[in-house]
Amino acid sequence: MSGGVAPAVYVILAGKPGSFRTELGPDVRSVEAYDYVFFGRTKAHFVIAELHRETKIAVIDEALPPTVSRIPSKLLKKYASVAEARRDLEHLARPGSADVALVRVAQ
């Protein structure tokens, strides 16, 4: 059995402005964030996050009253690198698509 450090694992967390958002917990670190812009309007927000260990991700439904669901991270698609997760996101805004863009945002 090796005593080395476990390789990093990345996930993509999503939110839809005015509808729902995800919140990072102590075992999750934001690496990159993007807005999905469709015909000039932000339709979704994505965060590529490093998962330090299996945990539960808070998904907050922004309807009144707000409700919180805790989703086990084991249900999320995992990526071996940030680049791999980014490539998956980039499929949303393929060149030549309608007025669609994936815009990196400050965190």
PDB file of N, CA and C in Angstrom:
ATOM      1  N   MET A   1       0.843  -1.168   0.000  1.00  0.00           N
ATOM      2  CA  MET A   1       0.000   0.000   0.000  1.00  0.00           C
ATOM      3  C   MET A   1       0.891   1.233   0.000  1.00  0.00           C
ATOM      4  N   SER A   2       0.580   2.184  -0.875  1.00  0.00           N
ATOM      5  CA  SER A   2       1.370   3.395  -1.025  1.00  0.00           C
ATOM      6  C   SER A   2       0.974   4.428   0.012  1.00  0.00           C
ATOM      7  N   GLY A   3       1.940   5.201   0.468  1.00  0.00           N
ATOM      8  CA  GLY A   3       1.666   6.247   1.445  1.00  0.00           C
ATOM      9  C   GLY A   3       1.561   7.611   0.804  1.00  0.00           C
ATOM     10  N   GLY A   4       1.462   7.669  -0.543  1.00  0.00           N
ATOM     11  CA  GLY A   4       1.410   8.938  -1.259  1.00  0.00           C
ATOM     12  C   GLY A   4       0.071   9.646  -1.102  1.00  0.00           C
ATOM     13  N   VAL A   5       0.049  10.841  -1.620  1.00  0.00           N
ATOM     14  CA  VAL A   5      -1.155  11.668  -1.587  1.00  0.00           C
ATOM     15  C   VAL A   5      -2.113  11.199  -2.679  1.00  0.00           C
ATOM     16  N   ALA A   6      -3.390  11.142  -2.369  1.00  0.00           N
ATOM     17  CA  ALA A   6      -4.400  10.753  -3.353  1.00  0.00           C
ATOM     18  C   ALA A   6      -4.455  11.805  -4.458  1.00  0.00           C
ATOM     19  N   PRO A   7      -4.679  11.375  -5.702  1.00  0.00           N
ATOM     20  CA  PRO A   7      -4.768  12.339  -6.798  1.00  0.00           C
ATOM     21  C   PRO A   7      -5.999  13.233  -6.633  1.00  0.00           C
ATOM     22  N   ALA A   8      -5.878  14.455  -7.124  1.00  0.00           N
ATOM     23  CA  ALA A   8      -6.992  15.398  -7.049  1.00  0.00           C
ATOM     24  C   ALA A   8      -8.152  14.907  -7.908  1.00  0.00           C
ATOM     25  N   VAL A   9      -9.344  15.217  -7.479  1.00  0.00           N
ATOM     26  CA  VAL A   9     -10.565  14.891  -8.200  1.00  0.00           C
ATOM     27  C   VAL A   9     -11.356  16.182  -8.354  1.00  0.00           C
ATOM     28  N   TYR A  10     -11.918  16.383  -9.538  1.00  0.00           N
ATOM     29  CA  TYR A  10     -12.652  17.605  -9.824  1.00  0.00           C
ATOM     30  C   TYR A  10     -14.088  17.280 -10.203  1.00  0.00           C
ATOM     31  N   VAL A  11     -14.992  18.225  -9.900  1.00  0.00           N
ATOM     32  CA  VAL A  11     -16.399  18.100 -10.247  1.00  0.00           C
ATOM     33  C   VAL A  11     -16.859  19.432 -10.838  1.00  0.00           C
ATOM     34  N   ILE A  12     -17.994  19.410 -11.526  1.00  0.00           N
ATOM     35  CA  ILE A  12     -18.608  20.633 -12.028  1.00  0.00           C
ATOM     36  C   ILE A  12     -19.898  20.846 -11.245  1.00  0.00           C
ATOM     37  N   LEU A  13     -19.994  22.016 -10.633  1.00  0.00           N
ATOM     38  CA  LEU A  13     -21.196  22.392  -9.903  1.00  0.00           C
ATOM     39  C   LEU A  13     -21.945  23.435 -10.718  1.00  0.00           C
ATOM     40  N   ALA A  14     -23.260  23.410 -10.664  1.00  0.00           N
ATOM     41  CA  ALA A  14     -24.061  24.298 -11.500  1.00  0.00           C
ATOM     42  C   ALA A  14     -25.049  25.103 -10.676  1.00  0.00           C
ATOM     43  N   GLY A  15     -25.467  26.195 -11.264  1.00  0.00           N
ATOM     44  CA  GLY A  15     -26.515  27.015 -10.684  1.00  0.00           C
ATOM     45  C   GLY A  15     -27.250  27.726 -11.805  1.00  0.00           C
ATOM     46  N   LYS A  16     -28.474  28.116 -11.541  1.00  0.00           N
ATOM     47  CA  LYS A  16     -29.269  28.875 -12.504  1.00  0.00           C
ATOM     48  C   LYS A  16     -29.770  30.112 -11.782  1.00  0.00           C
ATOM     49  N   PRO A  17     -29.300  31.314 -12.204  1.00  0.00           N
ATOM     50  CA  PRO A  17     -29.676  32.542 -11.515  1.00  0.00           C
ATOM     51  C   PRO A  17     -31.193  32.661 -11.320  1.00  0.00           C
ATOM     52  N   GLY A  18     -31.584  32.948 -10.079  1.00  0.00           N
ATOM     53  CA  GLY A  18     -32.991  33.102  -9.760  1.00  0.00           C
ATOM     54  C   GLY A  18     -33.730  31.795  -9.529  1.00  0.00           C
ATOM     55  N   SER A  19     -33.040  30.668  -9.726  1.00  0.00           N
ATOM     56  CA  SER A  19     -33.683  29.364  -9.580  1.00  0.00           C
ATOM     57  C   SER A  19     -33.023  28.518  -8.493  1.00  0.00           C
ATOM     58  N   PHE A  20     -31.726  28.229  -8.673  1.00  0.00           N
ATOM     59  CA  PHE A  20     -31.001  27.447  -7.671  1.00  0.00           C
ATOM     60  C   PHE A  20     -29.516  27.741  -7.765  1.00  0.00           C
ATOM     61  N   ARG A  21     -28.813  27.405  -6.687  1.00  0.00           N
ATOM     62  CA  ARG A  21     -27.354  27.564  -6.664  1.00  0.00           C
ATOM     63  C   ARG A  21     -26.755  26.450  -5.823  1.00  0.00           C
ATOM     64  N   THR A  22     -25.481  26.196  -6.036  1.00  0.00           N
ATOM     65  CA  THR A  22     -24.767  25.232  -5.206  1.00  0.00           C
ATOM     66  C   THR A  22     -23.790  26.010  -4.328  1.00  0.00           C
ATOM     67  N   GLU A  23     -23.545  25.482  -3.148  1.00  0.00           N
ATOM     68  CA  GLU A  23     -22.603  26.119  -2.225  1.00  0.00           C
ATOM     69  C   GLU A  23     -21.470  25.161  -1.922  1.00  0.00           C
ATOM     70  N   LEU A  24     -20.267  25.727  -1.883  1.00  0.00           N
ATOM     71  CA  LEU A  24     -19.083  24.942  -1.571  1.00  0.00           C
ATOM     72  C   LEU A  24     -18.994  24.744  -0.067  1.00  0.00           C
ATOM     73  N   GLY A  25     -18.654  23.550   0.329  1.00  0.00           N
ATOM     74  CA  GLY A  25     -18.440  23.259   1.742  1.00  0.00           C
ATOM     75  C   GLY A  25     -16.955  23.220   2.036  1.00  0.00           C
ATOM     76  N   PRO A  26     -16.584  22.839   3.250  1.00  0.00           N
ATOM     77  CA  PRO A  26     -15.177  22.827   3.642  1.00  0.00           C
ATOM     78  C   PRO A  26     -14.324  21.806   2.881  1.00  0.00           C
ATOM     79  N   ASP A  27     -14.946  20.814   2.250  1.00  0.00           N
ATOM     80  CA  ASP A  27     -14.195  19.785   1.530  1.00  0.00           C
ATOM     81  C   ASP A  27     -14.170  20.020   0.024  1.00  0.00           C
ATOM     82  N   VAL A  28     -14.572  21.225  -0.390  1.00  0.00           N
ATOM     83  CA  VAL A  28     -14.657  21.556  -1.811  1.00  0.00           C
ATOM     84  C   VAL A  28     -14.014  22.924  -2.021  1.00  0.00           C
ATOM     85  N   ARG A  29     -13.139  23.023  -3.041  1.00  0.00           N
ATOM     86  CA  ARG A  29     -12.450  24.293  -3.327  1.00  0.00           C
ATOM     87  C   ARG A  29     -12.709  24.704  -4.768  1.00  0.00           C
ATOM     88  N   SER A  30     -13.195  25.903  -4.961  1.00  0.00           N
ATOM     89  CA  SER A  30     -13.444  26.432  -6.300  1.00  0.00           C
ATOM     90  C   SER A  30     -12.116  26.654  -7.028  1.00  0.00           C
ATOM     91  N   VAL A  31     -12.067  26.226  -8.293  1.00  0.00           N
ATOM     92  CA  VAL A  31     -10.861  26.389  -9.107  1.00  0.00           C
ATOM     93  C   VAL A  31     -11.108  27.397 -10.231  1.00  0.00           C
ATOM     94  N   GLU A  32     -12.219  27.242 -10.952  1.00  0.00           N
ATOM     95  CA  GLU A  32     -12.595  28.140 -12.044  1.00  0.00           C
ATOM     96  C   GLU A  32     -14.107  28.289 -12.040  1.00  0.00           C
ATOM     97  N   ALA A  33     -14.584  29.453 -12.526  1.00  0.00           N
ATOM     98  CA  ALA A  33     -16.024  29.683 -12.612  1.00  0.00           C
ATOM     99  C   ALA A  33     -16.367  30.271 -13.976  1.00  0.00           C
ATOM    100  N   TYR A  34     -17.529  29.888 -14.487  1.00  0.00           N
ATOM    101  CA  TYR A  34     -17.982  30.321 -15.813  1.00  0.00           C
ATOM    102  C   TYR A  34     -19.462  30.652 -15.800  1.00  0.00           C
ATOM    103  N   ASP A  35     -19.838  31.652 -16.605  1.00  0.00           N
ATOM    104  CA  ASP A  35     -21.241  31.919 -16.875  1.00  0.00           C
ATOM    105  C   ASP A  35     -21.546  31.393 -18.266  1.00  0.00           C
ATOM    106  N   TYR A  36     -22.696  30.768 -18.396  1.00  0.00           N
ATOM    107  CA  TYR A  36     -23.192  30.314 -19.693  1.00  0.00           C
ATOM    108  C   TYR A  36     -24.139  31.404 -20.168  1.00  0.00           C
ATOM    109  N   VAL A  37     -23.741  32.110 -21.231  1.00  0.00           N
ATOM    110  CA  VAL A  37     -24.489  33.253 -21.735  1.00  0.00           C
ATOM    111  C   VAL A  37     -25.143  32.868 -23.064  1.00  0.00           C
ATOM    112  N   PHE A  38     -26.453  33.019 -23.114  1.00  0.00           N
ATOM    113  CA  PHE A  38     -27.245  32.642 -24.281  1.00  0.00           C
ATOM    114  C   PHE A  38     -27.971  33.887 -24.772  1.00  0.00           C
ATOM    115  N   PHE A  39     -27.618  34.335 -25.978  1.00  0.00           N
ATOM    116  CA  PHE A  39     -28.193  35.551 -26.551  1.00  0.00           C
ATOM    117  C   PHE A  39     -28.146  36.716 -25.563  1.00  0.00           C
ATOM    118  N   GLY A  40     -26.966  36.897 -24.937  1.00  0.00           N
ATOM    119  CA  GLY A  40     -26.727  38.030 -24.063  1.00  0.00           C
ATOM    120  C   GLY A  40     -27.239  37.894 -22.636  1.00  0.00           C
ATOM    121  N   ARG A  41     -27.883  36.786 -22.309  1.00  0.00           N
ATOM    122  CA  ARG A  41     -28.419  36.601 -20.957  1.00  0.00           C
ATOM    123  C   ARG A  41     -27.735  35.421 -20.273  1.00  0.00           C
ATOM    124  N   THR A  42     -27.333  35.619 -19.025  1.00  0.00           N
ATOM    125  CA  THR A  42     -26.715  34.535 -18.269  1.00  0.00           C
ATOM    126  C   THR A  42     -27.789  33.531 -17.891  1.00  0.00           C
ATOM    127  N   LYS A  43     -27.635  32.314 -18.397  1.00  0.00           N
ATOM    128  CA  LYS A  43     -28.618  31.262 -18.151  1.00  0.00           C
ATOM    129  C   LYS A  43     -28.181  30.288 -17.064  1.00  0.00           C
ATOM    130  N   ALA A  44     -26.862  30.181 -16.859  1.00  0.00           N
ATOM    131  CA  ALA A  44     -26.350  29.243 -15.860  1.00  0.00           C
ATOM    132  C   ALA A  44     -24.975  29.709 -15.388  1.00  0.00           C
ATOM    133  N   HIS A  45     -24.598  29.215 -14.232  1.00  0.00           N
ATOM    134  CA  HIS A  45     -23.280  29.495 -13.663  1.00  0.00           C
ATOM    135  C   HIS A  45     -22.655  28.142 -13.311  1.00  0.00           C
ATOM    136  N   PHE A  46     -21.413  27.941 -13.715  1.00  0.00           N
ATOM    137  CA  PHE A  46     -20.724  26.680 -13.455  1.00  0.00           C
ATOM    138  C   PHE A  46     -19.440  26.941 -12.683  1.00  0.00           C
ATOM    139  N   VAL A  47     -19.139  26.043 -11.768  1.00  0.00           N
ATOM    140  CA  VAL A  47     -17.885  26.103 -11.010  1.00  0.00           C
ATOM    141  C   VAL A  47     -17.192  24.761 -11.158  1.00  0.00           C
ATOM    142  N   ILE A  48     -15.941  24.807 -11.589  1.00  0.00           N
ATOM    143  CA  ILE A  48     -15.099  23.608 -11.550  1.00  0.00           C
ATOM    144  C   ILE A  48     -14.466  23.633 -10.173  1.00  0.00           C
ATOM    145  N   ALA A  49     -14.685  22.566  -9.414  1.00  0.00           N
ATOM    146  CA  ALA A  49     -14.232  22.534  -8.029  1.00  0.00           C
ATOM    147  C   ALA A  49     -13.401  21.289  -7.749  1.00  0.00           C
ATOM    148  N   GLU A  50     -12.432  21.458  -6.881  1.00  0.00           N
ATOM    149  CA  GLU A  50     -11.613  20.336  -6.432  1.00  0.00           C
ATOM    150  C   GLU A  50     -12.292  19.719  -5.213  1.00  0.00           C
ATOM    151  N   LEU A  51     -12.453  18.425  -5.277  1.00  0.00           N
ATOM    152  CA  LEU A  51     -13.102  17.689  -4.196  1.00  0.00           C
ATOM    153  C   LEU A  51     -12.005  17.072  -3.329  1.00  0.00           C
ATOM    154  N   HIS A  52     -11.939  17.475  -2.062  1.00  0.00           N
ATOM    155  CA  HIS A  52     -10.902  16.975  -1.164  1.00  0.00           C
ATOM    156  C   HIS A  52     -11.236  15.599  -0.602  1.00  0.00           C
ATOM    157  N   ARG A  53     -12.517  15.311  -0.494  1.00  0.00           N
ATOM    158  CA  ARG A  53     -12.986  13.992  -0.071  1.00  0.00           C
ATOM    159  C   ARG A  53     -14.476  13.929  -0.384  1.00  0.00           C
ATOM    160  N   GLU A  54     -15.039  12.742  -0.348  1.00  0.00           N
ATOM    161  CA  GLU A  54     -16.477  12.615  -0.588  1.00  0.00           C
ATOM    162  C   GLU A  54     -17.215  13.407   0.481  1.00  0.00           C
ATOM    163  N   THR A  55     -18.238  14.125   0.066  1.00  0.00           N
ATOM    164  CA  THR A  55     -18.983  14.998   0.962  1.00  0.00           C
ATOM    165  C   THR A  55     -20.388  15.166   0.411  1.00  0.00           C
ATOM    166  N   LYS A  56     -21.140  16.064   0.979  1.00  0.00           N
ATOM    167  CA  LYS A  56     -22.456  16.410   0.447  1.00  0.00           C
ATOM    168  C   LYS A  56     -22.404  17.861  -0.010  1.00  0.00           C
ATOM    169  N   ILE A  57     -22.968  18.111  -1.186  1.00  0.00           N
ATOM    170  CA  ILE A  57     -22.996  19.435  -1.781  1.00  0.00           C
ATOM    171  C   ILE A  57     -24.373  20.038  -1.521  1.00  0.00           C
ATOM    172  N   ALA A  58     -24.395  21.268  -0.995  1.00  0.00           N
ATOM    173  CA  ALA A  58     -25.664  21.942  -0.740  1.00  0.00           C
ATOM    174  C   ALA A  58     -26.185  22.564  -2.033  1.00  0.00           C
ATOM    175  N   VAL A  59     -27.413  22.211  -2.391  1.00  0.00           N
ATOM    176  CA  VAL A  59     -28.108  22.801  -3.530  1.00  0.00           C
ATOM    177  C   VAL A  59     -29.284  23.575  -2.953  1.00  0.00           C
ATOM    178  N   ILE A  60     -29.263  24.897  -3.169  1.00  0.00           N
ATOM    179  CA  ILE A  60     -30.271  25.760  -2.583  1.00  0.00           C
ATOM    180  C   ILE A  60     -31.268  26.180  -3.652  1.00  0.00           C
ATOM    181  N   ASP A  61     -32.525  25.793  -3.468  1.00  0.00           N
ATOM    182  CA  ASP A  61     -33.614  26.217  -4.338  1.00  0.00           C
ATOM    183  C   ASP A  61     -33.985  27.615  -3.869  1.00  0.00           C
ATOM    184  N   GLU A  62     -33.904  28.598  -4.765  1.00  0.00           N
ATOM    185  CA  GLU A  62     -34.090  29.993  -4.374  1.00  0.00           C
ATOM    186  C   GLU A  62     -35.551  30.435  -4.330  1.00  0.00           C
ATOM    187  N   ALA A  63     -36.486  29.516  -4.541  1.00  0.00           N
ATOM    188  CA  ALA A  63     -37.896  29.864  -4.409  1.00  0.00           C
ATOM    189  C   ALA A  63     -38.168  30.211  -2.945  1.00  0.00           C
ATOM    190  N   LEU A  64     -39.250  30.921  -2.711  1.00  0.00           N
ATOM    191  CA  LEU A  64     -39.582  31.269  -1.333  1.00  0.00           C
ATOM    192  C   LEU A  64     -40.560  30.269  -0.750  1.00  0.00           C
ATOM    193  N   PRO A  65     -40.314  29.733   0.405  1.00  0.00           N
ATOM    194  CA  PRO A  65     -39.071  29.866   1.159  1.00  0.00           C
ATOM    195  C   PRO A  65     -37.971  29.003   0.534  1.00  0.00           C
ATOM    196  N   PRO A  66     -36.718  29.436   0.647  1.00  0.00           N
ATOM    197  CA  PRO A  66     -35.613  28.651   0.080  1.00  0.00           C
ATOM    198  C   PRO A  66     -35.541  27.273   0.739  1.00  0.00           C
ATOM    199  N   THR A  67     -35.194  26.276  -0.050  1.00  0.00           N
ATOM    200  CA  THR A  67     -35.002  24.937   0.500  1.00  0.00           C
ATOM    201  C   THR A  67     -33.617  24.459   0.139  1.00  0.00           C
ATOM    202  N   VAL A  68     -33.042  23.673   1.018  1.00  0.00           N
ATOM    203  CA  VAL A  68     -31.692  23.162   0.819  1.00  0.00           C
ATOM    204  C   VAL A  68     -31.750  21.648   0.701  1.00  0.00           C
ATOM    205  N   SER A  69     -31.139  21.140  -0.361  1.00  0.00           N
ATOM    206  CA  SER A  69     -30.959  19.698  -0.525  1.00  0.00           C
ATOM    207  C   SER A  69     -29.471  19.424  -0.434  1.00  0.00           C
ATOM    208  N   ARG A  70     -29.105  18.305   0.125  1.00  0.00           N
ATOM    209  CA  ARG A  70     -27.692  17.929   0.219  1.00  0.00           C
ATOM    210  C   ARG A  70     -27.484  16.697  -0.651  1.00  0.00           C
ATOM    211  N   ILE A  71     -26.709  16.890  -1.720  1.00  0.00           N
ATOM    212  CA  ILE A  71     -26.473  15.854  -2.713  1.00  0.00           C
ATOM    213  C   ILE A  71     -25.119  15.209  -2.449  1.00  0.00           C
ATOM    214  N   PRO A  72     -25.060  13.888  -2.300  1.00  0.00           N
ATOM    215  CA  PRO A  72     -23.754  13.226  -2.104  1.00  0.00           C
ATOM    216  C   PRO A  72     -22.855  13.435  -3.327  1.00  0.00           C
ATOM    217  N   SER A  73     -21.622  13.833  -3.078  1.00  0.00           N
ATOM    218  CA  SER A  73     -20.689  14.080  -4.183  1.00  0.00           C
ATOM    219  C   SER A  73     -20.405  12.814  -4.987  1.00  0.00           C
ATOM    220  N   LYS A  74     -20.646  11.644  -4.399  1.00  0.00           N
ATOM    221  CA  LYS A  74     -20.407  10.404  -5.141  1.00  0.00           C
ATOM    222  C   LYS A  74     -21.338  10.292  -6.344  1.00  0.00           C
ATOM    223  N   LEU A  75     -22.413  11.093  -6.386  1.00  0.00           N
ATOM    224  CA  LEU A  75     -23.339  11.067  -7.517  1.00  0.00           C
ATOM    225  C   LEU A  75     -22.894  11.964  -8.671  1.00  0.00           C
ATOM    226  N   LEU A  76     -21.894  12.815  -8.433  1.00  0.00           N
ATOM    227  CA  LEU A  76     -21.418  13.741  -9.456  1.00  0.00           C
ATOM    228  C   LEU A  76     -20.382  13.088 -10.360  1.00  0.00           C
ATOM    229  N   LYS A  77     -20.354  13.529 -11.605  1.00  0.00           N
ATOM    230  CA  LYS A  77     -19.324  13.066 -12.533  1.00  0.00           C
ATOM    231  C   LYS A  77     -17.981  13.608 -12.052  1.00  0.00           C
ATOM    232  N   LYS A  78     -16.981  12.748 -12.039  1.00  0.00           N
ATOM    233  CA  LYS A  78     -15.646  13.131 -11.568  1.00  0.00           C
ATOM    234  C   LYS A  78     -14.700  13.301 -12.761  1.00  0.00           C
ATOM    235  N   TYR A  79     -13.755  14.206 -12.599  1.00  0.00           N
ATOM    236  CA  TYR A  79     -12.743  14.477 -13.621  1.00  0.00           C
ATOM    237  C   TYR A  79     -11.359  14.363 -12.994  1.00  0.00           C
ATOM    238  N   ALA A  80     -10.410  13.875 -13.761  1.00  0.00           N
ATOM    239  CA  ALA A  80      -9.040  13.711 -13.265  1.00  0.00           C
ATOM    240  C   ALA A  80      -8.253  15.015 -13.290  1.00  0.00           C
ATOM    241  N   SER A  81      -8.730  16.003 -14.068  1.00  0.00           N
ATOM    242  CA  SER A  81      -8.012  17.282 -14.166  1.00  0.00           C
ATOM    243  C   SER A  81      -8.997  18.414 -14.426  1.00  0.00           C
ATOM    244  N   VAL A  82      -8.533  19.626 -14.159  1.00  0.00           N
ATOM    245  CA  VAL A  82      -9.329  20.813 -14.460  1.00  0.00           C
ATOM    246  C   VAL A  82      -9.549  20.897 -15.968  1.00  0.00           C
ATOM    247  N   ALA A  83      -8.517  20.594 -16.747  1.00  0.00           N
ATOM    248  CA  ALA A  83      -8.629  20.662 -18.208  1.00  0.00           C
ATOM    249  C   ALA A  83      -9.719  19.722 -18.728  1.00  0.00           C
ATOM    250  N   GLU A  84      -9.821  18.545 -18.144  1.00  0.00           N
ATOM    251  CA  GLU A  84     -10.847  17.583 -18.558  1.00  0.00           C
ATOM    252  C   GLU A  84     -12.246  18.135 -18.248  1.00  0.00           C
ATOM    253  N   ALA A  85     -12.425  18.714 -17.087  1.00  0.00           N
ATOM    254  CA  ALA A  85     -13.718  19.305 -16.718  1.00  0.00           C
ATOM    255  C   ALA A  85     -14.035  20.486 -17.630  1.00  0.00           C
ATOM    256  N   ARG A  86     -13.040  21.320 -17.905  1.00  0.00           N
ATOM    257  CA  ARG A  86     -13.224  22.478 -18.786  1.00  0.00           C
ATOM    258  C   ARG A  86     -13.655  22.042 -20.182  1.00  0.00           C
ATOM    259  N   ARG A  87     -13.036  20.986 -20.705  1.00  0.00           N
ATOM    260  CA  ARG A  87     -13.419  20.481 -22.041  1.00  0.00           C
ATOM    261  C   ARG A  87     -14.888  20.069 -22.057  1.00  0.00           C
ATOM    262  N   ASP A  88     -15.342  19.438 -20.976  1.00  0.00           N
ATOM    263  CA  ASP A  88     -16.746  19.036 -20.891  1.00  0.00           C
ATOM    264  C   ASP A  88     -17.655  20.268 -20.925  1.00  0.00           C
ATOM    265  N   LEU A  89     -17.286  21.318 -20.202  1.00  0.00           N
ATOM    266  CA  LEU A  89     -18.072  22.551 -20.211  1.00  0.00           C
ATOM    267  C   LEU A  89     -18.057  23.226 -21.572  1.00  0.00           C
ATOM    268  N   GLU A  90     -16.916  23.208 -22.242  1.00  0.00           N
ATOM    269  CA  GLU A  90     -16.792  23.888 -23.528  1.00  0.00           C
ATOM    270  C   GLU A  90     -17.720  23.307 -24.590  1.00  0.00           C
ATOM    271  N   HIS A  91     -18.199  22.095 -24.388  1.00  0.00           N
ATOM    272  CA  HIS A  91     -19.155  21.515 -25.339  1.00  0.00           C
ATOM    273  C   HIS A  91     -20.465  22.293 -25.354  1.00  0.00           C
ATOM    274  N   LEU A  92     -20.733  23.057 -24.300  1.00  0.00           N
ATOM    275  CA  LEU A  92     -21.954  23.860 -24.246  1.00  0.00           C
ATOM    276  C   LEU A  92     -21.923  25.033 -25.214  1.00  0.00           C
ATOM    277  N   ALA A  93     -20.732  25.520 -25.511  1.00  0.00           N
ATOM    278  CA  ALA A  93     -20.582  26.713 -26.348  1.00  0.00           C
ATOM    279  C   ALA A  93     -19.631  26.430 -27.501  1.00  0.00           C
ATOM    280  N   ARG A  94     -20.047  25.555 -28.367  1.00  0.00           N
ATOM    281  CA  ARG A  94     -19.204  25.195 -29.512  1.00  0.00           C
ATOM    282  C   ARG A  94     -19.091  26.356 -30.488  1.00  0.00           C
ATOM    283  N   PRO A  95     -17.904  26.534 -31.068  1.00  0.00           N
ATOM    284  CA  PRO A  95     -17.748  27.581 -32.091  1.00  0.00           C
ATOM    285  C   PRO A  95     -18.755  27.353 -33.213  1.00  0.00           C
ATOM    286  N   GLY A  96     -19.340  28.447 -33.697  1.00  0.00           N
ATOM    287  CA  GLY A  96     -20.309  28.341 -34.770  1.00  0.00           C
ATOM    288  C   GLY A  96     -21.729  28.139 -34.267  1.00  0.00           C
ATOM    289  N   SER A  97     -21.885  27.974 -32.938  1.00  0.00           N
ATOM    290  CA  SER A  97     -23.222  27.834 -32.367  1.00  0.00           C
ATOM    291  C   SER A  97     -23.936  29.175 -32.444  1.00  0.00           C
ATOM    292  N   ALA A  98     -25.209  29.164 -32.130  1.00  0.00           N
ATOM    293  CA  ALA A  98     -25.972  30.411 -32.057  1.00  0.00           C
ATOM    294  C   ALA A  98     -25.248  31.344 -31.091  1.00  0.00           C
ATOM    295  N   ASP A  99     -25.824  32.432 -30.737  1.00  0.00           N
ATOM    296  CA  ASP A  99     -25.198  33.412 -29.855  1.00  0.00           C
ATOM    297  C   ASP A  99     -25.063  32.836 -28.447  1.00  0.00           C
ATOM    298  N   VAL A 100     -24.057  31.955 -28.277  1.00  0.00           N
ATOM    299  CA  VAL A 100     -23.827  31.242 -27.035  1.00  0.00           C
ATOM    300  C   VAL A 100     -22.354  31.412 -26.647  1.00  0.00           C
ATOM    301  N   ALA A 101     -22.114  31.652 -25.361  1.00  0.00           N
ATOM    302  CA  ALA A 101     -20.726  31.787 -24.917  1.00  0.00           C
ATOM    303  C   ALA A 101     -20.573  31.241 -23.499  1.00  0.00           C
ATOM    304  N   LEU A 102     -19.412  30.727 -23.243  1.00  0.00           N
ATOM    305  CA  LEU A 102     -19.021  30.310 -21.902  1.00  0.00           C
ATOM    306  C   LEU A 102     -17.975  31.328 -21.466  1.00  0.00           C
ATOM    307  N   VAL A 103     -18.301  32.163 -20.494  1.00  0.00           N
ATOM    308  CA  VAL A 103     -17.460  33.293 -20.109  1.00  0.00           C
ATOM    309  C   VAL A 103     -16.871  33.030 -18.726  1.00  0.00           C
ATOM    310  N   ARG A 104     -15.537  33.034 -18.672  1.00  0.00           N
ATOM    311  CA  ARG A 104     -14.885  32.832 -17.371  1.00  0.00           C
ATOM    312  C   ARG A 104     -15.098  34.071 -16.516  1.00  0.00           C
ATOM    313  N   VAL A 105     -15.413  33.845 -15.243  1.00  0.00           N
ATOM    314  CA  VAL A 105     -15.678  34.952 -14.321  1.00  0.00           C
ATOM    315  C   VAL A 105     -14.732  34.868 -13.130  1.00  0.00           C
ATOM    316  N   ALA A 106     -14.480  36.030 -12.528  1.00  0.00           N
ATOM    317  CA  ALA A 106     -13.634  36.082 -11.336  1.00  0.00           C
ATOM    318  C   ALA A 106     -14.373  35.400 -10.193  1.00  0.00           C
ATOM    319  N   GLN A 107     -13.594  34.826  -9.304  1.00  0.00           N
ATOM    320  CA  GLN A 107     -14.198  34.105  -8.174  1.00  0.00           C
ATOM    321  C   GLN A 107     -14.132  34.892  -6.906  1.00  0.00           C
TER     322      GLN A 107
END
